[in-house]
Each structure stands twice: as C-alpha cells, then as structure tokens.
Amino acid sequence: MGLKSWIAQKALGFAKPYIKAELSVEKLAGYAVEGVDWAASSATKNVSDERLAQIAKGCTLGASVFGNLAAALDPASEGGREITATEKEPLRANMREAVLCIVTPEKLDALVETACERALARLK
C-alpha cells in the first residue's frame, strides 16, 4: 500500500463515523421534513385559507389512494398481485376527487388552451 492509499484509508476511517451520523435515517428524515416545510411555506404564502384547505383535502385523498394501492397489491388481497376491477373503484374515485381538489377545472382548461396554442405554434 502506497503512502497516498494509506493517508486516504486513515482519513476515511476518521471521517466515516461523522459521515454515518449525517446519513442516518433520522437525519435524512429531518432534511426531508425541512425541505418540505420550506417548499410548502414558499408555495402557499399567497394562497387563501379556503384554497389551502381544498389542497389539503386533495392531499389527504391522495394519501388514501396509496393506502388503497397498498391493500390491492398485497399478495393476500382479492386479486393477489393483480389489481382487480373491484379494487380499482376506490383508487379511481379517490384519485379523481384528489385531482379535482388540487387541480381545479379552471386550471385544467387553462392547461388545455396552452397545449393547443403550443401545438398550433409548432405547425406554423
């Protein structure tokens, strides 16, 4: 082992516990929460309480979709590893309601208009 390798090995041996402490599950969860908090605060500072309550409801419904999905994918579920038509019903209903809460029909209409304008601009 050369001097360079020996120094690198000693440096990593010294730094490893510090790196491990920074990459713990607890620290990573903390970083994620702080990031989400910052993003949510930045994104919602000019949003009315009424609209924010509607978005929160959509997020709650979206979370329930993941619960429905987890139950449907459980190998012990009705369809085993496959999602049955019966299992899709609550998934679809909750997803539809979540989307309506978060992305308003007006916003969807605006997205359609923008997409059509862009398509037409490319044809010119």
N, C-alpha and C. Protein backbone atom coordinates (compact mmCIF):
# COMPACT_ATOMS: atom_id res chain seq x y z
N MET A 1 0.86 -1.17 0.00
CA MET A 1 0.00 0.00 0.00
C MET A 1 0.89 1.23 0.00
N GLY A 2 0.62 2.14 -0.92
CA GLY A 2 1.41 3.35 -1.01
C GLY A 2 0.99 4.37 0.03
N LEU A 3 1.78 5.42 0.13
CA LEU A 3 1.53 6.48 1.11
C LEU A 3 0.18 7.15 0.86
N LYS A 4 -0.14 7.37 -0.42
CA LYS A 4 -1.40 8.01 -0.77
C LYS A 4 -2.60 7.17 -0.32
N SER A 5 -2.54 5.87 -0.57
CA SER A 5 -3.62 4.97 -0.16
C SER A 5 -3.73 4.91 1.35
N TRP A 6 -2.59 4.89 2.03
CA TRP A 6 -2.59 4.83 3.48
C TRP A 6 -3.24 6.08 4.07
N ILE A 7 -2.90 7.26 3.54
CA ILE A 7 -3.48 8.52 4.02
C ILE A 7 -4.98 8.54 3.75
N ALA A 8 -5.38 8.12 2.56
CA ALA A 8 -6.81 8.09 2.22
C ALA A 8 -7.55 7.14 3.15
N GLN A 9 -6.98 5.98 3.43
CA GLN A 9 -7.61 5.00 4.31
C GLN A 9 -7.76 5.57 5.72
N LYS A 10 -6.74 6.23 6.23
CA LYS A 10 -6.79 6.83 7.56
C LYS A 10 -7.82 7.96 7.60
N ALA A 11 -7.85 8.78 6.56
CA ALA A 11 -8.80 9.90 6.51
C ALA A 11 -10.24 9.38 6.47
N LEU A 12 -10.48 8.36 5.66
CA LEU A 12 -11.83 7.79 5.60
C LEU A 12 -12.20 7.09 6.90
N GLY A 13 -11.25 6.43 7.50
CA GLY A 13 -11.50 5.79 8.79
C GLY A 13 -11.88 6.81 9.85
N PHE A 14 -11.24 7.97 9.82
CA PHE A 14 -11.56 9.05 10.75
C PHE A 14 -12.92 9.67 10.43
N ALA A 15 -13.20 9.89 9.15
CA ALA A 15 -14.42 10.59 8.73
C ALA A 15 -15.67 9.71 8.74
N LYS A 16 -15.50 8.41 8.63
CA LYS A 16 -16.65 7.51 8.48
C LYS A 16 -17.71 7.68 9.57
N PRO A 17 -17.38 7.75 10.85
CA PRO A 17 -18.43 7.92 11.86
C PRO A 17 -19.20 9.24 11.70
N TYR A 18 -18.51 10.28 11.26
CA TYR A 18 -19.16 11.57 11.05
C TYR A 18 -20.10 11.52 9.84
N ILE A 19 -19.64 10.86 8.79
CA ILE A 19 -20.47 10.69 7.59
C ILE A 19 -21.69 9.84 7.94
N LYS A 20 -21.46 8.76 8.68
CA LYS A 20 -22.55 7.88 9.07
C LYS A 20 -23.58 8.63 9.91
N ALA A 21 -23.13 9.49 10.79
CA ALA A 21 -24.06 10.27 11.63
C ALA A 21 -24.91 11.21 10.77
N GLU A 22 -24.32 11.76 9.72
CA GLU A 22 -25.06 12.68 8.84
C GLU A 22 -25.99 11.94 7.89
N LEU A 23 -25.72 10.69 7.63
CA LEU A 23 -26.55 9.91 6.71
C LEU A 23 -27.43 8.91 7.44
N SER A 24 -27.76 9.21 8.69
CA SER A 24 -28.66 8.33 9.43
C SER A 24 -30.09 8.53 8.93
N VAL A 25 -30.94 7.56 9.19
CA VAL A 25 -32.34 7.66 8.80
C VAL A 25 -32.97 8.90 9.46
N GLU A 26 -32.63 9.12 10.71
CA GLU A 26 -33.19 10.27 11.45
C GLU A 26 -32.79 11.60 10.79
N LYS A 27 -31.53 11.73 10.43
CA LYS A 27 -31.05 12.97 9.79
C LYS A 27 -31.70 13.15 8.41
N LEU A 28 -31.76 12.07 7.62
CA LEU A 28 -32.35 12.17 6.29
C LEU A 28 -33.83 12.54 6.39
N ALA A 29 -34.54 11.95 7.35
CA ALA A 29 -35.95 12.30 7.55
C ALA A 29 -36.06 13.77 7.95
N GLY A 30 -35.16 14.23 8.79
CA GLY A 30 -35.16 15.64 9.20
C GLY A 30 -34.92 16.58 8.02
N TYR A 31 -33.95 16.23 7.17
CA TYR A 31 -33.69 17.05 5.99
C TYR A 31 -34.92 17.09 5.08
N ALA A 32 -35.56 15.95 4.92
CA ALA A 32 -36.75 15.87 4.07
C ALA A 32 -37.87 16.75 4.63
N VAL A 33 -38.10 16.68 5.93
CA VAL A 33 -39.16 17.48 6.56
C VAL A 33 -38.86 18.97 6.42
N GLU A 34 -37.62 19.35 6.64
CA GLU A 34 -37.26 20.76 6.50
C GLU A 34 -37.44 21.23 5.05
N GLY A 35 -37.08 20.38 4.10
CA GLY A 35 -37.26 20.72 2.70
C GLY A 35 -38.72 20.86 2.33
N VAL A 36 -39.53 19.94 2.80
CA VAL A 36 -40.97 20.00 2.54
C VAL A 36 -41.57 21.24 3.19
N ASP A 37 -41.15 21.53 4.40
CA ASP A 37 -41.65 22.71 5.11
C ASP A 37 -41.31 23.98 4.33
N TRP A 38 -40.07 24.07 3.88
CA TRP A 38 -39.65 25.25 3.12
C TRP A 38 -40.46 25.37 1.82
N ALA A 39 -40.58 24.26 1.10
CA ALA A 39 -41.31 24.29 -0.17
C ALA A 39 -42.78 24.63 0.05
N ALA A 40 -43.40 24.01 1.05
CA ALA A 40 -44.81 24.27 1.32
C ALA A 40 -45.02 25.72 1.74
N SER A 41 -44.16 26.23 2.60
CA SER A 41 -44.28 27.63 3.05
C SER A 41 -44.12 28.59 1.87
N SER A 42 -43.16 28.31 1.02
CA SER A 42 -42.93 29.18 -0.14
C SER A 42 -44.09 29.12 -1.12
N ALA A 43 -44.61 27.93 -1.34
CA ALA A 43 -45.66 27.74 -2.34
C ALA A 43 -47.03 28.23 -1.86
N THR A 44 -47.24 28.29 -0.56
CA THR A 44 -48.58 28.60 -0.05
C THR A 44 -48.72 29.96 0.60
N LYS A 45 -47.67 30.76 0.60
CA LYS A 45 -47.76 32.02 1.32
C LYS A 45 -48.80 32.97 0.74
N ASN A 46 -49.11 32.88 -0.53
CA ASN A 46 -50.11 33.76 -1.14
C ASN A 46 -51.41 33.03 -1.48
N VAL A 47 -51.63 31.88 -0.85
CA VAL A 47 -52.82 31.08 -1.11
C VAL A 47 -53.82 31.32 0.02
N SER A 48 -55.08 31.49 -0.35
CA SER A 48 -56.11 31.73 0.67
C SER A 48 -56.30 30.49 1.53
N ASP A 49 -56.84 30.70 2.73
CA ASP A 49 -57.11 29.58 3.63
C ASP A 49 -58.09 28.60 3.00
N GLU A 50 -59.08 29.12 2.29
CA GLU A 50 -60.07 28.26 1.65
C GLU A 50 -59.42 27.36 0.60
N ARG A 51 -58.58 27.94 -0.23
CA ARG A 51 -57.90 27.16 -1.27
C ARG A 51 -56.92 26.16 -0.65
N LEU A 52 -56.23 26.60 0.40
CA LEU A 52 -55.27 25.72 1.05
C LEU A 52 -55.98 24.53 1.71
N ALA A 53 -57.16 24.77 2.27
CA ALA A 53 -57.95 23.67 2.85
C ALA A 53 -58.35 22.68 1.76
N GLN A 54 -58.68 23.20 0.58
CA GLN A 54 -59.06 22.34 -0.54
C GLN A 54 -57.85 21.51 -1.00
N ILE A 55 -56.69 22.12 -1.07
CA ILE A 55 -55.47 21.41 -1.45
C ILE A 55 -55.14 20.34 -0.40
N ALA A 56 -55.29 20.69 0.87
CA ALA A 56 -55.02 19.73 1.95
C ALA A 56 -55.96 18.53 1.84
N LYS A 57 -57.22 18.78 1.52
CA LYS A 57 -58.18 17.69 1.34
C LYS A 57 -57.72 16.79 0.18
N GLY A 58 -57.27 17.41 -0.91
CA GLY A 58 -56.76 16.64 -2.05
C GLY A 58 -55.56 15.80 -1.67
N CYS A 59 -54.68 16.35 -0.86
CA CYS A 59 -53.51 15.59 -0.41
C CYS A 59 -53.93 14.41 0.46
N THR A 60 -54.92 14.63 1.33
CA THR A 60 -55.42 13.54 2.18
C THR A 60 -56.03 12.44 1.31
N LEU A 61 -56.80 12.83 0.32
CA LEU A 61 -57.38 11.83 -0.59
C LEU A 61 -56.28 11.12 -1.37
N GLY A 62 -55.27 11.87 -1.79
CA GLY A 62 -54.14 11.26 -2.49
C GLY A 62 -53.43 10.24 -1.61
N ALA A 63 -53.29 10.56 -0.33
CA ALA A 63 -52.68 9.61 0.60
C ALA A 63 -53.52 8.35 0.72
N SER A 64 -54.84 8.51 0.69
CA SER A 64 -55.71 7.34 0.78
C SER A 64 -55.56 6.45 -0.46
N VAL A 65 -55.25 7.07 -1.58
CA VAL A 65 -55.03 6.30 -2.80
C VAL A 65 -53.85 5.33 -2.59
N PHE A 66 -52.80 5.81 -1.94
CA PHE A 66 -51.66 4.94 -1.67
C PHE A 66 -52.04 3.80 -0.73
N GLY A 67 -52.92 4.08 0.22
CA GLY A 67 -53.41 3.02 1.09
C GLY A 67 -54.21 1.99 0.32
N ASN A 68 -55.10 2.47 -0.57
CA ASN A 68 -55.87 1.55 -1.42
C ASN A 68 -54.93 0.73 -2.30
N LEU A 69 -53.92 1.38 -2.85
CA LEU A 69 -52.97 0.70 -3.72
C LEU A 69 -52.20 -0.37 -2.96
N ALA A 70 -51.75 -0.02 -1.77
CA ALA A 70 -51.00 -0.98 -0.95
C ALA A 70 -51.87 -2.20 -0.64
N ALA A 71 -53.13 -1.96 -0.29
CA ALA A 71 -54.03 -3.07 0.00
C ALA A 71 -54.26 -3.94 -1.23
N ALA A 72 -54.39 -3.30 -2.40
CA ALA A 72 -54.65 -4.04 -3.64
C ALA A 72 -53.43 -4.85 -4.08
N LEU A 73 -52.24 -4.34 -3.82
CA LEU A 73 -51.02 -5.04 -4.25
C LEU A 73 -50.58 -6.13 -3.29
N ASP A 74 -51.14 -6.16 -2.12
CA ASP A 74 -50.80 -7.19 -1.15
C ASP A 74 -51.11 -8.56 -1.76
N PRO A 75 -50.14 -9.46 -1.77
CA PRO A 75 -50.40 -10.78 -2.37
C PRO A 75 -51.60 -11.51 -1.75
N ALA A 76 -51.96 -11.15 -0.52
CA ALA A 76 -53.11 -11.79 0.12
C ALA A 76 -54.43 -11.09 -0.22
N SER A 77 -54.39 -10.07 -1.07
CA SER A 77 -55.60 -9.33 -1.42
C SER A 77 -56.47 -10.12 -2.38
N GLU A 78 -57.61 -9.56 -2.70
CA GLU A 78 -58.60 -10.20 -3.58
C GLU A 78 -57.97 -10.72 -4.87
N GLY A 79 -57.19 -9.88 -5.53
CA GLY A 79 -56.60 -10.27 -6.82
C GLY A 79 -55.16 -10.72 -6.71
N GLY A 80 -54.67 -10.87 -5.49
CA GLY A 80 -53.27 -11.24 -5.33
C GLY A 80 -52.39 -10.09 -5.79
N ARG A 81 -51.49 -10.36 -6.68
CA ARG A 81 -50.56 -9.34 -7.16
C ARG A 81 -51.18 -8.43 -8.22
N GLU A 82 -52.35 -8.78 -8.70
CA GLU A 82 -53.03 -8.01 -9.75
C GLU A 82 -54.13 -7.16 -9.11
N ILE A 83 -54.31 -5.97 -9.61
CA ILE A 83 -55.37 -5.10 -9.11
C ILE A 83 -56.65 -5.42 -9.86
N THR A 84 -57.67 -5.83 -9.13
CA THR A 84 -58.94 -6.22 -9.74
C THR A 84 -59.78 -4.99 -10.06
N ALA A 85 -60.82 -5.19 -10.86
CA ALA A 85 -61.74 -4.10 -11.19
C ALA A 85 -62.39 -3.55 -9.93
N THR A 86 -62.71 -4.42 -8.99
CA THR A 86 -63.32 -4.00 -7.73
C THR A 86 -62.34 -3.15 -6.92
N GLU A 87 -61.06 -3.52 -6.94
CA GLU A 87 -60.04 -2.77 -6.20
C GLU A 87 -59.74 -1.43 -6.87
N LYS A 88 -59.97 -1.36 -8.18
CA LYS A 88 -59.71 -0.11 -8.90
C LYS A 88 -60.75 0.97 -8.59
N GLU A 89 -61.95 0.57 -8.22
CA GLU A 89 -63.02 1.55 -7.98
C GLU A 89 -62.64 2.59 -6.94
N PRO A 90 -62.22 2.20 -5.72
CA PRO A 90 -61.85 3.24 -4.75
C PRO A 90 -60.60 4.00 -5.16
N LEU A 91 -59.68 3.33 -5.86
CA LEU A 91 -58.50 4.02 -6.36
C LEU A 91 -58.91 5.15 -7.30
N ARG A 92 -59.76 4.82 -8.25
CA ARG A 92 -60.21 5.80 -9.24
C ARG A 92 -61.00 6.93 -8.58
N ALA A 93 -61.91 6.58 -7.69
CA ALA A 93 -62.75 7.59 -7.04
C ALA A 93 -61.92 8.56 -6.21
N ASN A 94 -61.03 8.03 -5.40
CA ASN A 94 -60.20 8.90 -4.55
C ASN A 94 -59.22 9.72 -5.38
N MET A 95 -58.66 9.12 -6.42
CA MET A 95 -57.73 9.85 -7.29
C MET A 95 -58.45 10.98 -8.02
N ARG A 96 -59.63 10.69 -8.52
CA ARG A 96 -60.41 11.71 -9.23
C ARG A 96 -60.71 12.88 -8.31
N GLU A 97 -61.17 12.60 -7.10
CA GLU A 97 -61.50 13.65 -6.14
C GLU A 97 -60.25 14.43 -5.72
N ALA A 98 -59.15 13.73 -5.54
CA ALA A 98 -57.89 14.40 -5.17
C ALA A 98 -57.45 15.36 -6.26
N VAL A 99 -57.53 14.91 -7.50
CA VAL A 99 -57.13 15.77 -8.63
C VAL A 99 -58.03 17.00 -8.70
N LEU A 100 -59.34 16.81 -8.51
CA LEU A 100 -60.27 17.94 -8.55
C LEU A 100 -60.00 18.94 -7.43
N CYS A 101 -59.55 18.46 -6.29
CA CYS A 101 -59.24 19.36 -5.17
C CYS A 101 -57.96 20.15 -5.43
N ILE A 102 -56.98 19.50 -6.03
CA ILE A 102 -55.67 20.12 -6.19
C ILE A 102 -55.58 20.90 -7.50
N VAL A 103 -56.06 20.32 -8.58
CA VAL A 103 -56.03 20.98 -9.89
C VAL A 103 -57.47 21.32 -10.26
N THR A 104 -57.81 22.58 -10.16
CA THR A 104 -59.19 22.99 -10.41
C THR A 104 -59.56 22.80 -11.88
N PRO A 105 -60.87 22.67 -12.18
CA PRO A 105 -61.30 22.58 -13.57
C PRO A 105 -60.82 23.77 -14.40
N GLU A 106 -60.76 24.94 -13.78
CA GLU A 106 -60.27 26.13 -14.49
C GLU A 106 -58.80 25.97 -14.88
N LYS A 107 -58.03 25.41 -13.97
CA LYS A 107 -56.61 25.18 -14.25
C LYS A 107 -56.45 24.14 -15.37
N LEU A 108 -57.27 23.10 -15.34
CA LEU A 108 -57.23 22.10 -16.41
C LEU A 108 -57.59 22.73 -17.75
N ASP A 109 -58.62 23.58 -17.77
CA ASP A 109 -58.99 24.27 -19.01
C ASP A 109 -57.85 25.13 -19.51
N ALA A 110 -57.18 25.82 -18.60
CA ALA A 110 -56.04 26.66 -18.99
C ALA A 110 -54.91 25.81 -19.56
N LEU A 111 -54.67 24.64 -18.97
CA LEU A 111 -53.63 23.75 -19.49
C LEU A 111 -53.97 23.26 -20.90
N VAL A 112 -55.24 22.97 -21.15
CA VAL A 112 -55.67 22.53 -22.49
C VAL A 112 -55.44 23.67 -23.49
N GLU A 113 -55.84 24.88 -23.12
CA GLU A 113 -55.64 26.04 -24.00
C GLU A 113 -54.17 26.23 -24.33
N THR A 114 -53.32 26.16 -23.32
CA THR A 114 -51.89 26.34 -23.52
C THR A 114 -51.33 25.25 -24.43
N ALA A 115 -51.75 24.01 -24.21
CA ALA A 115 -51.26 22.91 -25.04
C ALA A 115 -51.69 23.09 -26.49
N CYS A 116 -52.94 23.51 -26.70
CA CYS A 116 -53.42 23.73 -28.08
C CYS A 116 -52.67 24.87 -28.75
N GLU A 117 -52.42 25.94 -28.00
CA GLU A 117 -51.67 27.07 -28.56
C GLU A 117 -50.26 26.65 -28.97
N ARG A 118 -49.63 25.85 -28.13
CA ARG A 118 -48.27 25.38 -28.44
C ARG A 118 -48.27 24.47 -29.66
N ALA A 119 -49.28 23.61 -29.75
CA ALA A 119 -49.37 22.70 -30.90
C ALA A 119 -49.55 23.50 -32.19
N LEU A 120 -50.43 24.50 -32.14
CA LEU A 120 -50.67 25.32 -33.32
C LEU A 120 -49.43 26.13 -33.70
N ALA A 121 -48.70 26.63 -32.69
CA ALA A 121 -47.48 27.40 -32.95
C ALA A 121 -46.44 26.54 -33.66
N ARG A 122 -46.37 25.28 -33.35
CA ARG A 122 -45.39 24.39 -33.97
C ARG A 122 -45.76 24.07 -35.42
N LEU A 123 -47.03 24.19 -35.75
CA LEU A 123 -47.46 23.91 -37.12
C LEU A 123 -47.22 25.09 -38.06
N LYS A 124 -46.96 26.22 -37.51
CA LYS A 124 -46.76 27.42 -38.35
C LYS A 124 -45.39 27.47 -38.95
